[in-house]
Amino acid sequence: MTDINNYRAIAISNADTKILEKLLLPFMTSLADCDNYQFGFKAGHFTTLCAGVFRHTVDYFVTRGSHVFVSFVDFSKVFDYVIYWKLFNQLLDDGVDCILVEL
């Protein structure tokens, strides 16, 4: 609890940025296929749903006498390693206007 690395700063965007995001969102939806098991950053899916599926799966095996071994990966700093040019190219491939990608 005392390790500062266990906590992430919360960035609060100003009102102008939030308005811009709302205006651009309909044009920025990616058409790329994503994994069926992805829960975050996908319309109609939430990470809380993932937690429920996880709990149900563990309960299923435990009630049947199996051992459950779990491994977690911390992706908290994943955005530090994003290959932005690949992201920009994917948006362009999905038909997002180049002006929006530049913005």
N, C-alpha and C. Protein backbone atom coordinates (compact mmCIF):
# COMPACT_ATOMS: atom_id res chain seq x y z
N MET A 1 0.81 -1.20 0.00
CA MET A 1 0.00 0.00 0.00
C MET A 1 0.85 1.26 0.00
N THR A 2 2.07 1.17 0.46
CA THR A 2 2.89 2.37 0.54
C THR A 2 3.76 2.59 -0.70
N ASP A 3 3.75 1.64 -1.64
CA ASP A 3 4.55 1.77 -2.86
C ASP A 3 3.82 2.66 -3.86
N ILE A 4 4.42 3.78 -4.20
CA ILE A 4 3.79 4.74 -5.11
C ILE A 4 3.57 4.16 -6.50
N ASN A 5 4.34 3.15 -6.89
CA ASN A 5 4.20 2.53 -8.21
C ASN A 5 2.92 1.71 -8.35
N ASN A 6 2.23 1.47 -7.24
CA ASN A 6 0.97 0.74 -7.29
C ASN A 6 -0.20 1.64 -7.68
N TYR A 7 0.05 2.91 -7.85
CA TYR A 7 -1.02 3.86 -8.13
C TYR A 7 -0.72 4.62 -9.40
N ARG A 8 -1.77 4.92 -10.16
CA ARG A 8 -1.62 5.68 -11.39
C ARG A 8 -2.30 7.03 -11.22
N ALA A 9 -1.73 8.02 -11.83
CA ALA A 9 -2.34 9.35 -11.77
C ALA A 9 -3.62 9.36 -12.61
N ILE A 10 -4.57 10.15 -12.19
CA ILE A 10 -5.80 10.31 -12.95
C ILE A 10 -5.70 11.61 -13.72
N ALA A 11 -5.78 11.50 -15.04
CA ALA A 11 -5.71 12.69 -15.88
C ALA A 11 -7.12 13.20 -16.12
N ILE A 12 -7.34 14.44 -15.82
CA ILE A 12 -8.65 15.04 -16.03
C ILE A 12 -8.54 15.97 -17.23
N SER A 13 -9.21 15.59 -18.30
CA SER A 13 -9.19 16.42 -19.51
C SER A 13 -10.04 17.64 -19.29
N ASN A 14 -9.66 18.72 -19.96
CA ASN A 14 -10.50 19.91 -19.85
C ASN A 14 -11.75 19.74 -20.71
N ALA A 15 -12.70 20.63 -20.55
CA ALA A 15 -13.98 20.52 -21.24
C ALA A 15 -13.82 20.55 -22.75
N ASP A 16 -12.89 21.36 -23.26
CA ASP A 16 -12.68 21.44 -24.71
C ASP A 16 -12.27 20.10 -25.29
N THR A 17 -11.38 19.42 -24.60
CA THR A 17 -10.91 18.12 -25.06
C THR A 17 -12.04 17.09 -25.04
N LYS A 18 -12.85 17.12 -24.00
CA LYS A 18 -13.96 16.18 -23.91
C LYS A 18 -14.98 16.42 -25.03
N ILE A 19 -15.25 17.65 -25.35
CA ILE A 19 -16.17 17.97 -26.45
C ILE A 19 -15.59 17.48 -27.77
N LEU A 20 -14.30 17.73 -27.99
CA LEU A 20 -13.64 17.27 -29.21
C LEU A 20 -13.70 15.75 -29.32
N GLU A 21 -13.45 15.04 -28.23
CA GLU A 21 -13.52 13.58 -28.25
C GLU A 21 -14.92 13.10 -28.61
N LYS A 22 -15.95 13.72 -28.06
CA LYS A 22 -17.33 13.32 -28.37
C LYS A 22 -17.67 13.56 -29.84
N LEU A 23 -17.15 14.65 -30.39
CA LEU A 23 -17.42 14.96 -31.79
C LEU A 23 -16.69 14.00 -32.74
N LEU A 24 -15.48 13.59 -32.36
CA LEU A 24 -14.68 12.74 -33.24
C LEU A 24 -14.96 11.25 -33.09
N LEU A 25 -15.51 10.84 -31.97
CA LEU A 25 -15.69 9.42 -31.70
C LEU A 25 -16.43 8.66 -32.81
N PRO A 26 -17.51 9.19 -33.37
CA PRO A 26 -18.19 8.43 -34.43
C PRO A 26 -17.32 8.18 -35.66
N PHE A 27 -16.32 9.02 -35.88
CA PHE A 27 -15.46 8.87 -37.04
C PHE A 27 -14.23 8.02 -36.75
N MET A 28 -13.98 7.72 -35.49
CA MET A 28 -12.74 7.04 -35.10
C MET A 28 -12.94 5.57 -34.76
N THR A 29 -14.15 5.05 -34.86
CA THR A 29 -14.38 3.65 -34.53
C THR A 29 -13.65 2.77 -35.52
N SER A 30 -12.83 1.88 -35.01
CA SER A 30 -12.01 1.00 -35.84
C SER A 30 -12.86 -0.15 -36.37
N LEU A 31 -12.57 -0.57 -37.58
CA LEU A 31 -13.25 -1.71 -38.19
C LEU A 31 -12.43 -2.98 -38.04
N ALA A 32 -11.28 -2.88 -37.41
CA ALA A 32 -10.39 -4.03 -37.27
C ALA A 32 -11.04 -5.09 -36.38
N ASP A 33 -10.81 -6.34 -36.75
CA ASP A 33 -11.28 -7.43 -35.92
C ASP A 33 -10.50 -7.44 -34.62
N CYS A 34 -11.18 -7.77 -33.55
CA CYS A 34 -10.48 -7.91 -32.28
C CYS A 34 -10.85 -9.25 -31.67
N ASP A 35 -10.10 -9.66 -30.73
CA ASP A 35 -10.27 -10.95 -30.10
C ASP A 35 -11.64 -11.04 -29.42
N ASN A 36 -12.28 -12.19 -29.53
CA ASN A 36 -13.59 -12.39 -28.90
C ASN A 36 -13.51 -12.32 -27.39
N TYR A 37 -12.32 -12.54 -26.83
CA TYR A 37 -12.16 -12.53 -25.38
C TYR A 37 -11.67 -11.19 -24.85
N GLN A 38 -11.62 -10.18 -25.70
CA GLN A 38 -11.25 -8.85 -25.25
C GLN A 38 -12.45 -8.21 -24.57
N PHE A 39 -12.23 -7.66 -23.39
CA PHE A 39 -13.33 -7.06 -22.65
C PHE A 39 -13.22 -5.54 -22.58
N GLY A 40 -12.03 -5.01 -22.39
CA GLY A 40 -11.86 -3.57 -22.28
C GLY A 40 -11.76 -2.91 -23.63
N PHE A 41 -12.14 -1.66 -23.71
CA PHE A 41 -12.03 -0.83 -24.91
C PHE A 41 -12.77 -1.45 -26.08
N LYS A 42 -13.93 -2.05 -25.83
CA LYS A 42 -14.73 -2.67 -26.87
C LYS A 42 -16.19 -2.36 -26.55
N ALA A 43 -16.93 -1.89 -27.54
CA ALA A 43 -18.31 -1.49 -27.32
C ALA A 43 -19.13 -2.64 -26.72
N GLY A 44 -19.86 -2.33 -25.66
CA GLY A 44 -20.73 -3.31 -25.02
C GLY A 44 -20.02 -4.30 -24.10
N HIS A 45 -18.73 -4.14 -23.90
CA HIS A 45 -17.96 -5.03 -23.04
C HIS A 45 -17.25 -4.20 -21.97
N PHE A 46 -17.15 -4.77 -20.80
CA PHE A 46 -16.53 -4.06 -19.69
C PHE A 46 -15.59 -5.00 -18.95
N THR A 47 -14.59 -4.46 -18.30
CA THR A 47 -13.65 -5.30 -17.55
C THR A 47 -14.33 -5.98 -16.37
N THR A 48 -15.43 -5.40 -15.86
CA THR A 48 -16.15 -6.07 -14.78
C THR A 48 -16.77 -7.37 -15.29
N LEU A 49 -17.16 -7.40 -16.55
CA LEU A 49 -17.67 -8.63 -17.15
C LEU A 49 -16.57 -9.69 -17.16
N CYS A 50 -15.36 -9.27 -17.45
CA CYS A 50 -14.21 -10.18 -17.44
C CYS A 50 -14.01 -10.77 -16.05
N ALA A 51 -14.13 -9.96 -15.03
CA ALA A 51 -13.96 -10.45 -13.66
C ALA A 51 -15.03 -11.49 -13.32
N GLY A 52 -16.24 -11.27 -13.80
CA GLY A 52 -17.32 -12.23 -13.57
C GLY A 52 -17.07 -13.55 -14.27
N VAL A 53 -16.60 -13.49 -15.50
CA VAL A 53 -16.27 -14.71 -16.25
C VAL A 53 -15.14 -15.46 -15.55
N PHE A 54 -14.14 -14.72 -15.10
CA PHE A 54 -13.02 -15.33 -14.38
C PHE A 54 -13.52 -16.05 -13.13
N ARG A 55 -14.32 -15.38 -12.34
CA ARG A 55 -14.83 -15.96 -11.09
C ARG A 55 -15.66 -17.21 -11.38
N HIS A 56 -16.50 -17.16 -12.38
CA HIS A 56 -17.34 -18.30 -12.75
C HIS A 56 -16.47 -19.49 -13.18
N THR A 57 -15.42 -19.22 -13.94
CA THR A 57 -14.52 -20.27 -14.41
C THR A 57 -13.79 -20.93 -13.24
N VAL A 58 -13.28 -20.11 -12.32
CA VAL A 58 -12.59 -20.65 -11.15
C VAL A 58 -13.55 -21.49 -10.32
N ASP A 59 -14.75 -20.97 -10.07
CA ASP A 59 -15.75 -21.72 -9.28
C ASP A 59 -16.08 -23.05 -9.94
N TYR A 60 -16.19 -23.06 -11.26
CA TYR A 60 -16.52 -24.27 -12.00
C TYR A 60 -15.50 -25.38 -11.72
N PHE A 61 -14.22 -25.04 -11.82
CA PHE A 61 -13.18 -26.05 -11.63
C PHE A 61 -12.98 -26.42 -10.16
N VAL A 62 -13.09 -25.45 -9.25
CA VAL A 62 -12.92 -25.73 -7.83
C VAL A 62 -14.03 -26.64 -7.31
N THR A 63 -15.27 -26.40 -7.71
CA THR A 63 -16.38 -27.24 -7.24
C THR A 63 -16.28 -28.66 -7.79
N ARG A 64 -15.49 -28.86 -8.82
CA ARG A 64 -15.29 -30.19 -9.39
C ARG A 64 -13.99 -30.83 -8.91
N GLY A 65 -13.36 -30.22 -7.90
CA GLY A 65 -12.19 -30.81 -7.27
C GLY A 65 -10.86 -30.52 -7.94
N SER A 66 -10.84 -29.63 -8.91
CA SER A 66 -9.58 -29.31 -9.60
C SER A 66 -8.85 -28.18 -8.88
N HIS A 67 -7.55 -28.14 -9.12
CA HIS A 67 -6.75 -27.01 -8.66
C HIS A 67 -6.78 -25.95 -9.76
N VAL A 68 -6.73 -24.70 -9.36
CA VAL A 68 -6.72 -23.60 -10.32
C VAL A 68 -5.45 -22.79 -10.10
N PHE A 69 -4.66 -22.66 -11.15
CA PHE A 69 -3.44 -21.85 -11.10
C PHE A 69 -3.64 -20.65 -12.01
N VAL A 70 -3.32 -19.48 -11.50
CA VAL A 70 -3.59 -18.24 -12.23
C VAL A 70 -2.32 -17.42 -12.31
N SER A 71 -2.15 -16.77 -13.45
CA SER A 71 -1.03 -15.85 -13.63
C SER A 71 -1.59 -14.54 -14.17
N PHE A 72 -1.13 -13.43 -13.61
CA PHE A 72 -1.59 -12.13 -14.06
C PHE A 72 -0.41 -11.35 -14.63
N VAL A 73 -0.69 -10.55 -15.64
CA VAL A 73 0.33 -9.70 -16.25
C VAL A 73 -0.08 -8.25 -16.02
N ASP A 74 0.84 -7.44 -15.56
CA ASP A 74 0.58 -6.03 -15.29
C ASP A 74 0.90 -5.21 -16.53
N PHE A 75 -0.13 -4.72 -17.19
CA PHE A 75 0.05 -3.90 -18.38
C PHE A 75 -0.13 -2.42 -18.05
N SER A 76 0.11 -2.03 -16.81
CA SER A 76 -0.17 -0.67 -16.38
C SER A 76 0.66 0.37 -17.14
N LYS A 77 1.81 0.00 -17.65
CA LYS A 77 2.63 0.96 -18.37
C LYS A 77 2.67 0.66 -19.86
N VAL A 78 1.65 -0.05 -20.34
CA VAL A 78 1.64 -0.49 -21.73
C VAL A 78 1.65 0.69 -22.71
N PHE A 79 1.03 1.79 -22.35
CA PHE A 79 0.97 2.92 -23.28
C PHE A 79 2.32 3.59 -23.47
N ASP A 80 3.27 3.29 -22.58
CA ASP A 80 4.63 3.80 -22.77
C ASP A 80 5.32 3.12 -23.94
N TYR A 81 4.79 1.98 -24.37
CA TYR A 81 5.44 1.18 -25.41
C TYR A 81 4.58 1.03 -26.67
N VAL A 82 3.54 1.83 -26.81
CA VAL A 82 2.69 1.77 -28.00
C VAL A 82 3.50 2.21 -29.22
N ILE A 83 3.38 1.45 -30.30
CA ILE A 83 4.00 1.83 -31.57
C ILE A 83 2.98 2.70 -32.29
N TYR A 84 3.12 4.00 -32.11
CA TYR A 84 2.10 4.92 -32.60
C TYR A 84 1.95 4.90 -34.11
N TRP A 85 3.03 4.70 -34.85
CA TRP A 85 2.91 4.67 -36.31
C TRP A 85 2.08 3.49 -36.77
N LYS A 86 2.18 2.38 -36.06
CA LYS A 86 1.34 1.22 -36.39
C LYS A 86 -0.12 1.54 -36.10
N LEU A 87 -0.37 2.20 -34.98
CA LEU A 87 -1.72 2.61 -34.64
C LEU A 87 -2.29 3.57 -35.68
N PHE A 88 -1.49 4.57 -36.06
CA PHE A 88 -1.94 5.53 -37.06
C PHE A 88 -2.22 4.84 -38.40
N ASN A 89 -1.35 3.92 -38.80
CA ASN A 89 -1.56 3.19 -40.06
C ASN A 89 -2.81 2.33 -40.01
N GLN A 90 -3.11 1.72 -38.85
CA GLN A 90 -4.33 0.93 -38.72
C GLN A 90 -5.57 1.81 -38.87
N LEU A 91 -5.54 2.99 -38.27
CA LEU A 91 -6.66 3.92 -38.42
C LEU A 91 -6.84 4.31 -39.88
N LEU A 92 -5.75 4.59 -40.58
CA LEU A 92 -5.83 4.93 -42.00
C LEU A 92 -6.35 3.76 -42.81
N ASP A 93 -5.89 2.54 -42.50
CA ASP A 93 -6.37 1.34 -43.19
C ASP A 93 -7.86 1.12 -42.97
N ASP A 94 -8.35 1.54 -41.79
CA ASP A 94 -9.78 1.39 -41.47
C ASP A 94 -10.63 2.48 -42.11
N GLY A 95 -9.99 3.39 -42.83
CA GLY A 95 -10.75 4.42 -43.53
C GLY A 95 -10.97 5.70 -42.75
N VAL A 96 -10.26 5.86 -41.64
CA VAL A 96 -10.37 7.11 -40.87
C VAL A 96 -9.66 8.20 -41.67
N ASP A 97 -10.32 9.32 -41.82
CA ASP A 97 -9.77 10.44 -42.59
C ASP A 97 -8.41 10.84 -42.03
N CYS A 98 -7.46 11.09 -42.93
CA CYS A 98 -6.09 11.42 -42.51
C CYS A 98 -6.04 12.70 -41.67
N ILE A 99 -6.96 13.62 -41.88
CA ILE A 99 -7.00 14.84 -41.07
C ILE A 99 -7.30 14.49 -39.61
N LEU A 100 -8.22 13.54 -39.40
CA LEU A 100 -8.53 13.12 -38.03
C LEU A 100 -7.36 12.40 -37.39
N VAL A 101 -6.64 11.58 -38.19
CA VAL A 101 -5.48 10.87 -37.65
C VAL A 101 -4.39 11.88 -37.28
N GLU A 102 -4.20 12.89 -38.12
CA GLU A 102 -3.21 13.92 -37.81
C GLU A 102 -3.58 14.67 -36.54
N LEU A 103 -4.88 14.93 -36.37
CA LEU A 103 -5.35 15.64 -35.19
C LEU A 103 -5.07 14.83 -33.94
